[in-house]
Amino acid sequence: FFFVFTGAALLACLAMYSRQPLLVAYIVLGTILGPFGLGLVQDVARLS
């Protein structure tokens, strides 16, 4: 949850600064943190 909420806050600020929709930032965050990205969140069943 720390990774998800901290990443969401950082990418949301970056998206707002670059005038992109927040939904795009959240999708990018899921791609980065997920098991096929950096792999910081491995057990996705717990977050389902």
ModelCIF file with pLDDT and N, C-alpha, C, O atoms, coordinates in Angstrom:
data_MODEL
#
_entry.id   MODEL 
#
_entity.id                         1 
_entity.type                       polymer 
_entity.pdbx_number_of_molecules   1 
#
_entity_poly.entity_id                      1 
_entity_poly.type                           'polypeptide(L)' 
_entity_poly.nstd_linkage                   no 
_entity_poly.nstd_monomer                   no 
_entity_poly.pdbx_seq_one_letter_code       FFFVFTGAALLACLAMYSRQPLLVAYIVLGTILGPFGLGLVQDVARLS 
_entity_poly.pdbx_seq_one_letter_code_can   FFFVFTGAALLACLAMYSRQPLLVAYIVLGTILGPFGLGLVQDVARLS 
_entity_poly.pdbx_strand_id                 A 
#
loop_
_entity_poly_seq.entity_id 
_entity_poly_seq.num 
_entity_poly_seq.mon_id 
_entity_poly_seq.hetero 
1 1  PHE n 
1 2  PHE n 
1 3  PHE n 
1 4  VAL n 
1 5  PHE n 
1 6  THR n 
1 7  GLY n 
1 8  ALA n 
1 9  ALA n 
1 10 LEU n 
1 11 LEU n 
1 12 ALA n 
1 13 CYS n 
1 14 LEU n 
1 15 ALA n 
1 16 MET n 
1 17 TYR n 
1 18 SER n 
1 19 ARG n 
1 20 GLN n 
1 21 PRO n 
1 22 LEU n 
1 23 LEU n 
1 24 VAL n 
1 25 ALA n 
1 26 TYR n 
1 27 ILE n 
1 28 VAL n 
1 29 LEU n 
1 30 GLY n 
1 31 THR n 
1 32 ILE n 
1 33 LEU n 
1 34 GLY n 
1 35 PRO n 
1 36 PHE n 
1 37 GLY n 
1 38 LEU n 
1 39 GLY n 
1 40 LEU n 
1 41 VAL n 
1 42 GLN n 
1 43 ASP n 
1 44 VAL n 
1 45 ALA n 
1 46 ARG n 
1 47 LEU n 
1 48 SER n 
#
_struct_asym.id          A 
_struct_asym.entity_id   1 
#
loop_
_ma_qa_metric.id 
_ma_qa_metric.mode 
_ma_qa_metric.name 
_ma_qa_metric.software_group_id 
_ma_qa_metric.type 
1 global pLDDT . pLDDT 
2 local  pLDDT . pLDDT 
#
_ma_qa_metric_global.metric_id      1 
_ma_qa_metric_global.metric_value   79.48 
_ma_qa_metric_global.model_id       1 
_ma_qa_metric_global.ordinal_id     1 
#
loop_
_ma_qa_metric_local.label_asym_id 
_ma_qa_metric_local.label_comp_id 
_ma_qa_metric_local.label_seq_id 
_ma_qa_metric_local.metric_id 
_ma_qa_metric_local.metric_value 
_ma_qa_metric_local.model_id 
_ma_qa_metric_local.ordinal_id 
A PHE 1  2 74.00 1 1  
A PHE 2  2 81.00 1 2  
A PHE 3  2 76.00 1 3  
A VAL 4  2 76.00 1 4  
A PHE 5  2 79.00 1 5  
A THR 6  2 84.00 1 6  
A GLY 7  2 82.00 1 7  
A ALA 8  2 82.00 1 8  
A ALA 9  2 85.00 1 9  
A LEU 10 2 87.00 1 10 
A LEU 11 2 85.00 1 11 
A ALA 12 2 85.00 1 12 
A CYS 13 2 89.00 1 13 
A LEU 14 2 88.00 1 14 
A ALA 15 2 85.00 1 15 
A MET 16 2 87.00 1 16 
A TYR 17 2 90.00 1 17 
A SER 18 2 90.00 1 18 
A ARG 19 2 90.00 1 19 
A GLN 20 2 85.00 1 20 
A PRO 21 2 83.00 1 21 
A LEU 22 2 79.00 1 22 
A LEU 23 2 79.00 1 23 
A VAL 24 2 83.00 1 24 
A ALA 25 2 82.00 1 25 
A TYR 26 2 79.00 1 26 
A ILE 27 2 81.00 1 27 
A VAL 28 2 84.00 1 28 
A LEU 29 2 82.00 1 29 
A GLY 30 2 79.00 1 30 
A THR 31 2 82.00 1 31 
A ILE 32 2 82.00 1 32 
A LEU 33 2 77.00 1 33 
A GLY 34 2 74.00 1 34 
A PRO 35 2 75.00 1 35 
A PHE 36 2 77.00 1 36 
A GLY 37 2 78.00 1 37 
A LEU 38 2 80.00 1 38 
A GLY 39 2 75.00 1 39 
A LEU 40 2 71.00 1 40 
A VAL 41 2 70.00 1 41 
A GLN 42 2 70.00 1 42 
A ASP 43 2 70.00 1 43 
A VAL 44 2 69.00 1 44 
A ALA 45 2 72.00 1 45 
A ARG 46 2 68.00 1 46 
A LEU 47 2 66.00 1 47 
A SER 48 2 68.00 1 48 
#
loop_
_atom_site.group_PDB 
_atom_site.id 
_atom_site.type_symbol 
_atom_site.label_atom_id 
_atom_site.label_alt_id 
_atom_site.label_comp_id 
_atom_site.label_asym_id 
_atom_site.label_entity_id 
_atom_site.label_seq_id 
_atom_site.pdbx_PDB_ins_code 
_atom_site.Cartn_x 
_atom_site.Cartn_y 
_atom_site.Cartn_z 
_atom_site.occupancy 
_atom_site.B_iso_or_equiv 
_atom_site.pdbx_formal_charge 
_atom_site.auth_seq_id 
_atom_site.auth_comp_id 
_atom_site.auth_asym_id 
_atom_site.auth_atom_id 
_atom_site.pdbx_PDB_model_num 
ATOM 1   N N  . PHE A 1 1  ? 0.823  -1.202  0.000   1.00 74.00 ? 1  PHE A N  1 
ATOM 2   C CA . PHE A 1 1  ? 0.000  0.000   0.000   1.00 74.00 ? 1  PHE A CA 1 
ATOM 3   C C  . PHE A 1 1  ? 0.861  1.257   0.000   1.00 74.00 ? 1  PHE A C  1 
ATOM 4   O O  . PHE A 1 1  ? 0.499  2.263   -0.611  1.00 74.00 ? 1  PHE A O  1 
ATOM 5   N N  . PHE A 1 2  ? 2.002  1.201   0.685   1.00 81.00 ? 2  PHE A N  1 
ATOM 6   C CA . PHE A 1 2  ? 2.922  2.336   0.661   1.00 81.00 ? 2  PHE A CA 1 
ATOM 7   C C  . PHE A 1 2  ? 3.410  2.601   -0.758  1.00 81.00 ? 2  PHE A C  1 
ATOM 8   O O  . PHE A 1 2  ? 3.409  3.745   -1.211  1.00 81.00 ? 2  PHE A O  1 
ATOM 9   N N  . PHE A 1 3  ? 3.827  1.547   -1.465  1.00 76.00 ? 3  PHE A N  1 
ATOM 10  C CA . PHE A 1 3  ? 4.285  1.706   -2.850  1.00 76.00 ? 3  PHE A CA 1 
ATOM 11  C C  . PHE A 1 3  ? 3.178  2.262   -3.730  1.00 76.00 ? 3  PHE A C  1 
ATOM 12  O O  . PHE A 1 3  ? 3.417  3.157   -4.541  1.00 76.00 ? 3  PHE A O  1 
ATOM 13  N N  . VAL A 1 4  ? 1.974  1.739   -3.576  1.00 76.00 ? 4  VAL A N  1 
ATOM 14  C CA . VAL A 1 4  ? 0.861  2.149   -4.433  1.00 76.00 ? 4  VAL A CA 1 
ATOM 15  C C  . VAL A 1 4  ? 0.485  3.606   -4.181  1.00 76.00 ? 4  VAL A C  1 
ATOM 16  O O  . VAL A 1 4  ? 0.371  4.383   -5.129  1.00 76.00 ? 4  VAL A O  1 
ATOM 17  N N  . PHE A 1 5  ? 0.293  3.985   -2.932  1.00 79.00 ? 5  PHE A N  1 
ATOM 18  C CA . PHE A 1 5  ? -0.159 5.342   -2.641  1.00 79.00 ? 5  PHE A CA 1 
ATOM 19  C C  . PHE A 1 5  ? 0.934  6.387   -2.865  1.00 79.00 ? 5  PHE A C  1 
ATOM 20  O O  . PHE A 1 5  ? 0.646  7.489   -3.331  1.00 79.00 ? 5  PHE A O  1 
ATOM 21  N N  . THR A 1 6  ? 2.167  6.057   -2.542  1.00 84.00 ? 6  THR A N  1 
ATOM 22  C CA . THR A 1 6  ? 3.255  7.001   -2.784  1.00 84.00 ? 6  THR A CA 1 
ATOM 23  C C  . THR A 1 6  ? 3.484  7.185   -4.282  1.00 84.00 ? 6  THR A C  1 
ATOM 24  O O  . THR A 1 6  ? 3.663  8.305   -4.762  1.00 84.00 ? 6  THR A O  1 
ATOM 25  N N  . GLY A 1 7  ? 3.477  6.074   -5.009  1.00 82.00 ? 7  GLY A N  1 
ATOM 26  C CA . GLY A 1 7  ? 3.635  6.161   -6.458  1.00 82.00 ? 7  GLY A CA 1 
ATOM 27  C C  . GLY A 1 7  ? 2.494  6.899   -7.115  1.00 82.00 ? 7  GLY A C  1 
ATOM 28  O O  . GLY A 1 7  ? 2.700  7.663   -8.059  1.00 82.00 ? 7  GLY A O  1 
ATOM 29  N N  . ALA A 1 8  ? 1.277  6.673   -6.615  1.00 82.00 ? 8  ALA A N  1 
ATOM 30  C CA . ALA A 1 8  ? 0.111  7.365   -7.171  1.00 82.00 ? 8  ALA A CA 1 
ATOM 31  C C  . ALA A 1 8  ? 0.220  8.871   -6.944  1.00 82.00 ? 8  ALA A C  1 
ATOM 32  O O  . ALA A 1 8  ? -0.104 9.658   -7.833  1.00 82.00 ? 8  ALA A O  1 
ATOM 33  N N  . ALA A 1 9  ? 0.670  9.267   -5.773  1.00 85.00 ? 9  ALA A N  1 
ATOM 34  C CA . ALA A 1 9  ? 0.804  10.701  -5.498  1.00 85.00 ? 9  ALA A CA 1 
ATOM 35  C C  . ALA A 1 9  ? 1.868  11.335  -6.387  1.00 85.00 ? 9  ALA A C  1 
ATOM 36  O O  . ALA A 1 9  ? 1.663  12.420  -6.930  1.00 85.00 ? 9  ALA A O  1 
ATOM 37  N N  . LEU A 1 10 ? 3.000  10.659  -6.532  1.00 87.00 ? 10 LEU A N  1 
ATOM 38  C CA . LEU A 1 10 ? 4.072  11.215  -7.350  1.00 87.00 ? 10 LEU A CA 1 
ATOM 39  C C  . LEU A 1 10 ? 3.696  11.282  -8.831  1.00 87.00 ? 10 LEU A C  1 
ATOM 40  O O  . LEU A 1 10 ? 3.912  12.298  -9.490  1.00 87.00 ? 10 LEU A O  1 
ATOM 41  N N  . LEU A 1 11 ? 3.135  10.192  -9.341  1.00 85.00 ? 11 LEU A N  1 
ATOM 42  C CA . LEU A 1 11 ? 2.762  10.196  -10.750 1.00 85.00 ? 11 LEU A CA 1 
ATOM 43  C C  . LEU A 1 11 ? 1.566  11.103  -11.030 1.00 85.00 ? 11 LEU A C  1 
ATOM 44  O O  . LEU A 1 11 ? 1.449  11.643  -12.130 1.00 85.00 ? 11 LEU A O  1 
ATOM 45  N N  . ALA A 1 12 ? 0.681  11.278  -10.056 1.00 85.00 ? 12 ALA A N  1 
ATOM 46  C CA . ALA A 1 12 ? -0.442 12.195  -10.242 1.00 85.00 ? 12 ALA A CA 1 
ATOM 47  C C  . ALA A 1 12 ? 0.057  13.632  -10.349 1.00 85.00 ? 12 ALA A C  1 
ATOM 48  O O  . ALA A 1 12 ? -0.438 14.403  -11.171 1.00 85.00 ? 12 ALA A O  1 
ATOM 49  N N  . CYS A 1 13 ? 1.028  13.989  -9.526  1.00 89.00 ? 13 CYS A N  1 
ATOM 50  C CA . CYS A 1 13 ? 1.611  15.335  -9.625  1.00 89.00 ? 13 CYS A CA 1 
ATOM 51  C C  . CYS A 1 13 ? 2.300  15.528  -10.975 1.00 89.00 ? 13 CYS A C  1 
ATOM 52  O O  . CYS A 1 13 ? 2.177  16.581  -11.600 1.00 89.00 ? 13 CYS A O  1 
ATOM 53  N N  . LEU A 1 14 ? 3.020  14.508  -11.415 1.00 88.00 ? 14 LEU A N  1 
ATOM 54  C CA . LEU A 1 14 ? 3.693  14.585  -12.708 1.00 88.00 ? 14 LEU A CA 1 
ATOM 55  C C  . LEU A 1 14 ? 2.687  14.672  -13.852 1.00 88.00 ? 14 LEU A C  1 
ATOM 56  O O  . LEU A 1 14 ? 2.897  15.413  -14.812 1.00 88.00 ? 14 LEU A O  1 
ATOM 57  N N  . ALA A 1 15 ? 1.591  13.911  -13.747 1.00 85.00 ? 15 ALA A N  1 
ATOM 58  C CA . ALA A 1 15 ? 0.566  13.943  -14.795 1.00 85.00 ? 15 ALA A CA 1 
ATOM 59  C C  . ALA A 1 15 ? -0.142 15.294  -14.831 1.00 85.00 ? 15 ALA A C  1 
ATOM 60  O O  . ALA A 1 15 ? -0.426 15.816  -15.909 1.00 85.00 ? 15 ALA A O  1 
ATOM 61  N N  . MET A 1 16 ? -0.427 15.858  -13.669 1.00 87.00 ? 16 MET A N  1 
ATOM 62  C CA . MET A 1 16 ? -1.088 17.158  -13.645 1.00 87.00 ? 16 MET A CA 1 
ATOM 63  C C  . MET A 1 16 ? -0.169 18.247  -14.194 1.00 87.00 ? 16 MET A C  1 
ATOM 64  O O  . MET A 1 16 ? -0.619 19.169  -14.875 1.00 87.00 ? 16 MET A O  1 
ATOM 65  N N  . TYR A 1 17 ? 1.116  18.129  -13.890 1.00 90.00 ? 17 TYR A N  1 
ATOM 66  C CA . TYR A 1 17 ? 2.082  19.106  -14.404 1.00 90.00 ? 17 TYR A CA 1 
ATOM 67  C C  . TYR A 1 17 ? 2.178  19.028  -15.921 1.00 90.00 ? 17 TYR A C  1 
ATOM 68  O O  . TYR A 1 17 ? 2.310  20.055  -16.587 1.00 90.00 ? 17 TYR A O  1 
ATOM 69  N N  . SER A 1 18 ? 2.114  17.822  -16.471 1.00 90.00 ? 18 SER A N  1 
ATOM 70  C CA . SER A 1 18 ? 2.208  17.652  -17.924 1.00 90.00 ? 18 SER A CA 1 
ATOM 71  C C  . SER A 1 18 ? 0.836  17.655  -18.598 1.00 90.00 ? 18 SER A C  1 
ATOM 72  O O  . SER A 1 18 ? 0.729  17.386  -19.794 1.00 90.00 ? 18 SER A O  1 
ATOM 73  N N  . ARG A 1 19 ? -0.211 17.957  -17.831 1.00 90.00 ? 19 ARG A N  1 
ATOM 74  C CA . ARG A 1 19 ? -1.586 18.076  -18.323 1.00 90.00 ? 19 ARG A CA 1 
ATOM 75  C C  . ARG A 1 19 ? -2.095 16.798  -18.986 1.00 90.00 ? 19 ARG A C  1 
ATOM 76  O O  . ARG A 1 19 ? -2.720 16.825  -20.046 1.00 90.00 ? 19 ARG A O  1 
ATOM 77  N N  . GLN A 1 20 ? -1.807 15.684  -18.325 1.00 85.00 ? 20 GLN A N  1 
ATOM 78  C CA . GLN A 1 20 ? -2.298 14.386  -18.761 1.00 85.00 ? 20 GLN A CA 1 
ATOM 79  C C  . GLN A 1 20 ? -3.387 13.936  -17.786 1.00 85.00 ? 20 GLN A C  1 
ATOM 80  O O  . GLN A 1 20 ? -3.388 14.365  -16.632 1.00 85.00 ? 20 GLN A O  1 
ATOM 81  N N  . PRO A 1 21 ? -4.309 13.084  -18.224 1.00 83.00 ? 21 PRO A N  1 
ATOM 82  C CA . PRO A 1 21 ? -5.339 12.591  -17.309 1.00 83.00 ? 21 PRO A CA 1 
ATOM 83  C C  . PRO A 1 21 ? -4.736 11.726  -16.205 1.00 83.00 ? 21 PRO A C  1 
ATOM 84  O O  . PRO A 1 21 ? -3.753 11.017  -16.420 1.00 83.00 ? 21 PRO A O  1 
ATOM 85  N N  . LEU A 1 22 ? -5.334 11.798  -15.041 1.00 79.00 ? 22 LEU A N  1 
ATOM 86  C CA . LEU A 1 22 ? -4.834 11.016  -13.914 1.00 79.00 ? 22 LEU A CA 1 
ATOM 87  C C  . LEU A 1 22 ? -4.960 9.524   -14.158 1.00 79.00 ? 22 LEU A C  1 
ATOM 88  O O  . LEU A 1 22 ? -4.154 8.741   -13.654 1.00 79.00 ? 22 LEU A O  1 
ATOM 89  N N  . LEU A 1 23 ? -5.951 9.128   -14.916 1.00 79.00 ? 23 LEU A N  1 
ATOM 90  C CA . LEU A 1 23 ? -6.140 7.710   -15.190 1.00 79.00 ? 23 LEU A CA 1 
ATOM 91  C C  . LEU A 1 23 ? -4.930 7.130   -15.913 1.00 79.00 ? 23 LEU A C  1 
ATOM 92  O O  . LEU A 1 23 ? -4.552 5.986   -15.661 1.00 79.00 ? 23 LEU A O  1 
ATOM 93  N N  . VAL A 1 24 ? -4.323 7.894   -16.800 1.00 83.00 ? 24 VAL A N  1 
ATOM 94  C CA . VAL A 1 24 ? -3.121 7.443   -17.493 1.00 83.00 ? 24 VAL A CA 1 
ATOM 95  C C  . VAL A 1 24 ? -1.983 7.233   -16.495 1.00 83.00 ? 24 VAL A C  1 
ATOM 96  O O  . VAL A 1 24 ? -1.235 6.261   -16.602 1.00 83.00 ? 24 VAL A O  1 
ATOM 97  N N  . ALA A 1 25 ? -1.851 8.132   -15.534 1.00 82.00 ? 25 ALA A N  1 
ATOM 98  C CA . ALA A 1 25 ? -0.807 8.000   -14.515 1.00 82.00 ? 25 ALA A CA 1 
ATOM 99  C C  . ALA A 1 25 ? -1.019 6.752   -13.674 1.00 82.00 ? 25 ALA A C  1 
ATOM 100 O O  . ALA A 1 25 ? -0.056 6.061   -13.340 1.00 82.00 ? 25 ALA A O  1 
ATOM 101 N N  . TYR A 1 26 ? -2.263 6.453   -13.327 1.00 79.00 ? 26 TYR A N  1 
ATOM 102 C CA . TYR A 1 26 ? -2.536 5.273   -12.511 1.00 79.00 ? 26 TYR A CA 1 
ATOM 103 C C  . TYR A 1 26 ? -2.289 3.989   -13.285 1.00 79.00 ? 26 TYR A C  1 
ATOM 104 O O  . TYR A 1 26 ? -1.826 3.006   -12.706 1.00 79.00 ? 26 TYR A O  1 
ATOM 105 N N  . ILE A 1 27 ? -2.584 3.973   -14.575 1.00 81.00 ? 27 ILE A N  1 
ATOM 106 C CA . ILE A 1 27 ? -2.308 2.793   -15.395 1.00 81.00 ? 27 ILE A CA 1 
ATOM 107 C C  . ILE A 1 27 ? -0.796 2.590   -15.525 1.00 81.00 ? 27 ILE A C  1 
ATOM 108 O O  . ILE A 1 27 ? -0.313 1.461   -15.448 1.00 81.00 ? 27 ILE A O  1 
ATOM 109 N N  . VAL A 1 28 ? -0.060 3.667   -15.719 1.00 84.00 ? 28 VAL A N  1 
ATOM 110 C CA . VAL A 1 28 ? 1.400  3.570   -15.802 1.00 84.00 ? 28 VAL A CA 1 
ATOM 111 C C  . VAL A 1 28 ? 1.966  3.080   -14.476 1.00 84.00 ? 28 VAL A C  1 
ATOM 112 O O  . VAL A 1 28 ? 2.891  2.268   -14.464 1.00 84.00 ? 28 VAL A O  1 
ATOM 113 N N  . LEU A 1 29 ? 1.432  3.557   -13.372 1.00 82.00 ? 29 LEU A N  1 
ATOM 114 C CA . LEU A 1 29 ? 1.903  3.112   -12.059 1.00 82.00 ? 29 LEU A CA 1 
ATOM 115 C C  . LEU A 1 29 ? 1.673  1.619   -11.879 1.00 82.00 ? 29 LEU A C  1 
ATOM 116 O O  . LEU A 1 29 ? 2.551  0.913   -11.384 1.00 82.00 ? 29 LEU A O  1 
ATOM 117 N N  . GLY A 1 30 ? 0.506  1.132   -12.274 1.00 79.00 ? 30 GLY A N  1 
ATOM 118 C CA . GLY A 1 30 ? 0.244  -0.298  -12.171 1.00 79.00 ? 30 GLY A CA 1 
ATOM 119 C C  . GLY A 1 30 ? 1.182  -1.118  -13.020 1.00 79.00 ? 30 GLY A C  1 
ATOM 120 O O  . GLY A 1 30 ? 1.584  -2.214  -12.631 1.00 79.00 ? 30 GLY A O  1 
ATOM 121 N N  . THR A 1 31 ? 1.531  -0.598  -14.173 1.00 82.00 ? 31 THR A N  1 
ATOM 122 C CA . THR A 1 31 ? 2.471  -1.291  -15.044 1.00 82.00 ? 31 THR A CA 1 
ATOM 123 C C  . THR A 1 31 ? 3.872  -1.306  -14.447 1.00 82.00 ? 31 THR A C  1 
ATOM 124 O O  . THR A 1 31 ? 4.582  -2.306  -14.549 1.00 82.00 ? 31 THR A O  1 
ATOM 125 N N  . ILE A 1 32 ? 4.265  -0.220  -13.836 1.00 82.00 ? 32 ILE A N  1 
ATOM 126 C CA . ILE A 1 32 ? 5.604  -0.138  -13.251 1.00 82.00 ? 32 ILE A CA 1 
ATOM 127 C C  . ILE A 1 32 ? 5.715  -1.015  -12.005 1.00 82.00 ? 32 ILE A C  1 
ATOM 128 O O  . ILE A 1 32 ? 6.689  -1.755  -11.863 1.00 82.00 ? 32 ILE A O  1 
ATOM 129 N N  . LEU A 1 33 ? 4.746  -0.947  -11.111 1.00 77.00 ? 33 LEU A N  1 
ATOM 130 C CA . LEU A 1 33 ? 4.837  -1.666  -9.839  1.00 77.00 ? 33 LEU A CA 1 
ATOM 131 C C  . LEU A 1 33 ? 4.476  -3.140  -9.931  1.00 77.00 ? 33 LEU A C  1 
ATOM 132 O O  . LEU A 1 33 ? 4.864  -3.926  -9.066  1.00 77.00 ? 33 LEU A O  1 
ATOM 133 N N  . GLY A 1 34 ? 3.754  -3.517  -10.945 1.00 74.00 ? 34 GLY A N  1 
ATOM 134 C CA . GLY A 1 34 ? 3.258  -4.882  -11.056 1.00 74.00 ? 34 GLY A CA 1 
ATOM 135 C C  . GLY A 1 34 ? 4.342  -5.921  -11.263 1.00 74.00 ? 34 GLY A C  1 
ATOM 136 O O  . GLY A 1 34 ? 5.521  -5.589  -11.380 1.00 74.00 ? 34 GLY A O  1 
ATOM 137 N N  . PRO A 1 35 ? 3.933  -7.188  -11.307 1.00 75.00 ? 35 PRO A N  1 
ATOM 138 C CA . PRO A 1 35 ? 4.912  -8.272  -11.406 1.00 75.00 ? 35 PRO A CA 1 
ATOM 139 C C  . PRO A 1 35 ? 5.666  -8.300  -12.733 1.00 75.00 ? 35 PRO A C  1 
ATOM 140 O O  . PRO A 1 35 ? 6.724  -8.924  -12.815 1.00 75.00 ? 35 PRO A O  1 
ATOM 141 N N  . PHE A 1 36 ? 5.157  -7.645  -13.766 1.00 77.00 ? 36 PHE A N  1 
ATOM 142 C CA . PHE A 1 36 ? 5.849  -7.634  -15.052 1.00 77.00 ? 36 PHE A CA 1 
ATOM 143 C C  . PHE A 1 36 ? 6.689  -6.376  -15.241 1.00 77.00 ? 36 PHE A C  1 
ATOM 144 O O  . PHE A 1 36 ? 7.411  -6.256  -16.230 1.00 77.00 ? 36 PHE A O  1 
ATOM 145 N N  . GLY A 1 37 ? 6.601  -5.445  -14.307 1.00 78.00 ? 37 GLY A N  1 
ATOM 146 C CA . GLY A 1 37 ? 7.421  -4.234  -14.364 1.00 78.00 ? 37 GLY A CA 1 
ATOM 147 C C  . GLY A 1 37 ? 8.641  -4.400  -13.483 1.00 78.00 ? 37 GLY A C  1 
ATOM 148 O O  . GLY A 1 37 ? 9.472  -5.279  -13.714 1.00 78.00 ? 37 GLY A O  1 
ATOM 149 N N  . LEU A 1 38 ? 8.747  -3.546  -12.463 1.00 80.00 ? 38 LEU A N  1 
ATOM 150 C CA . LEU A 1 38 ? 9.856  -3.656  -11.519 1.00 80.00 ? 38 LEU A CA 1 
ATOM 151 C C  . LEU A 1 38 ? 9.675  -4.814  -10.545 1.00 80.00 ? 38 LEU A C  1 
ATOM 152 O O  . LEU A 1 38 ? 10.636 -5.259  -9.918  1.00 80.00 ? 38 LEU A O  1 
ATOM 153 N N  . GLY A 1 39 ? 8.458  -5.295  -10.421 1.00 75.00 ? 39 GLY A N  1 
ATOM 154 C CA . GLY A 1 39 ? 8.200  -6.431  -9.537  1.00 75.00 ? 39 GLY A CA 1 
ATOM 155 C C  . GLY A 1 39 ? 8.162  -6.073  -8.063  1.00 75.00 ? 39 GLY A C  1 
ATOM 156 O O  . GLY A 1 39 ? 8.398  -6.935  -7.216  1.00 75.00 ? 39 GLY A O  1 
ATOM 157 N N  . LEU A 1 40 ? 7.870  -4.823  -7.740  1.00 71.00 ? 40 LEU A N  1 
ATOM 158 C CA . LEU A 1 40 ? 7.805  -4.437  -6.325  1.00 71.00 ? 40 LEU A CA 1 
ATOM 159 C C  . LEU A 1 40 ? 6.591  -5.047  -5.637  1.00 71.00 ? 40 LEU A C  1 
ATOM 160 O O  . LEU A 1 40 ? 6.640  -5.337  -4.442  1.00 71.00 ? 40 LEU A O  1 
ATOM 161 N N  . VAL A 1 41 ? 5.518  -5.243  -6.366  1.00 70.00 ? 41 VAL A N  1 
ATOM 162 C CA . VAL A 1 41 ? 4.315  -5.882  -5.822  1.00 70.00 ? 41 VAL A CA 1 
ATOM 163 C C  . VAL A 1 41 ? 4.193  -7.244  -6.504  1.00 70.00 ? 41 VAL A C  1 
ATOM 164 O O  . VAL A 1 41 ? 3.807  -7.335  -7.670  1.00 70.00 ? 41 VAL A O  1 
ATOM 165 N N  . GLN A 1 42 ? 4.525  -8.292  -5.767  1.00 70.00 ? 42 GLN A N  1 
ATOM 166 C CA . GLN A 1 42 ? 4.506  -9.641  -6.333  1.00 70.00 ? 42 GLN A CA 1 
ATOM 167 C C  . GLN A 1 42 ? 3.185  -10.357 -6.093  1.00 70.00 ? 42 GLN A C  1 
ATOM 168 O O  . GLN A 1 42 ? 2.663  -11.014 -6.994  1.00 70.00 ? 42 GLN A O  1 
ATOM 169 N N  . ASP A 1 43 ? 2.645  -10.239 -4.900  1.00 70.00 ? 43 ASP A N  1 
ATOM 170 C CA . ASP A 1 43 ? 1.437  -10.981 -4.533  1.00 70.00 ? 43 ASP A CA 1 
ATOM 171 C C  . ASP A 1 43 ? 0.208  -10.137 -4.863  1.00 70.00 ? 43 ASP A C  1 
ATOM 172 O O  . ASP A 1 43 ? -0.350 -9.470  -3.991  1.00 70.00 ? 43 ASP A O  1 
ATOM 173 N N  . VAL A 1 44 ? -0.207 -10.173 -6.123  1.00 69.00 ? 44 VAL A N  1 
ATOM 174 C CA . VAL A 1 44 ? -1.320 -9.333  -6.551  1.00 69.00 ? 44 VAL A CA 1 
ATOM 175 C C  . VAL A 1 44 ? -2.660 -9.845  -6.028  1.00 69.00 ? 44 VAL A C  1 
ATOM 176 O O  . VAL A 1 44 ? -3.640 -9.100  -6.029  1.00 69.00 ? 44 VAL A O  1 
ATOM 177 N N  . ALA A 1 45 ? -2.722 -11.078 -5.588  1.00 72.00 ? 45 ALA A N  1 
ATOM 178 C CA . ALA A 1 45 ? -3.970 -11.626 -5.048  1.00 72.00 ? 45 ALA A CA 1 
ATOM 179 C C  . ALA A 1 45 ? -4.362 -10.911 -3.755  1.00 72.00 ? 45 ALA A C  1 
ATOM 180 O O  . ALA A 1 45 ? -5.549 -10.795 -3.453  1.00 72.00 ? 45 ALA A O  1 
ATOM 181 N N  . ARG A 1 46 ? -3.401 -10.441 -3.006  1.00 68.00 ? 46 ARG A N  1 
ATOM 182 C CA . ARG A 1 46 ? -3.711 -9.729  -1.756  1.00 68.00 ? 46 ARG A CA 1 
ATOM 183 C C  . ARG A 1 46 ? -4.301 -8.357  -2.023  1.00 68.00 ? 46 ARG A C  1 
ATOM 184 O O  . ARG A 1 46 ? -5.007 -7.811  -1.176  1.00 68.00 ? 46 ARG A O  1 
ATOM 185 N N  . LEU A 1 47 ? -4.023 -7.796  -3.184  1.00 66.00 ? 47 LEU A N  1 
ATOM 186 C CA . LEU A 1 47 ? -4.537 -6.475  -3.524  1.00 66.00 ? 47 LEU A CA 1 
ATOM 187 C C  . LEU A 1 47 ? -5.749 -6.537  -4.440  1.00 66.00 ? 47 LEU A C  1 
ATOM 188 O O  . LEU A 1 47 ? -6.207 -5.497  -4.914  1.00 66.00 ? 47 LEU A O  1 
ATOM 189 N N  . SER A 1 48 ? -6.275 -7.711  -4.699  1.00 68.00 ? 48 SER A N  1 
ATOM 190 C CA . SER A 1 48 ? -7.339 -7.867  -5.697  1.00 68.00 ? 48 SER A CA 1 
ATOM 191 C C  . SER A 1 48 ? -8.618 -7.085  -5.392  1.00 68.00 ? 48 SER A C  1 
ATOM 192 O O  . SER A 1 48 ? -9.576 -7.143  -6.163  1.00 68.00 ? 48 SER A O  1 
#
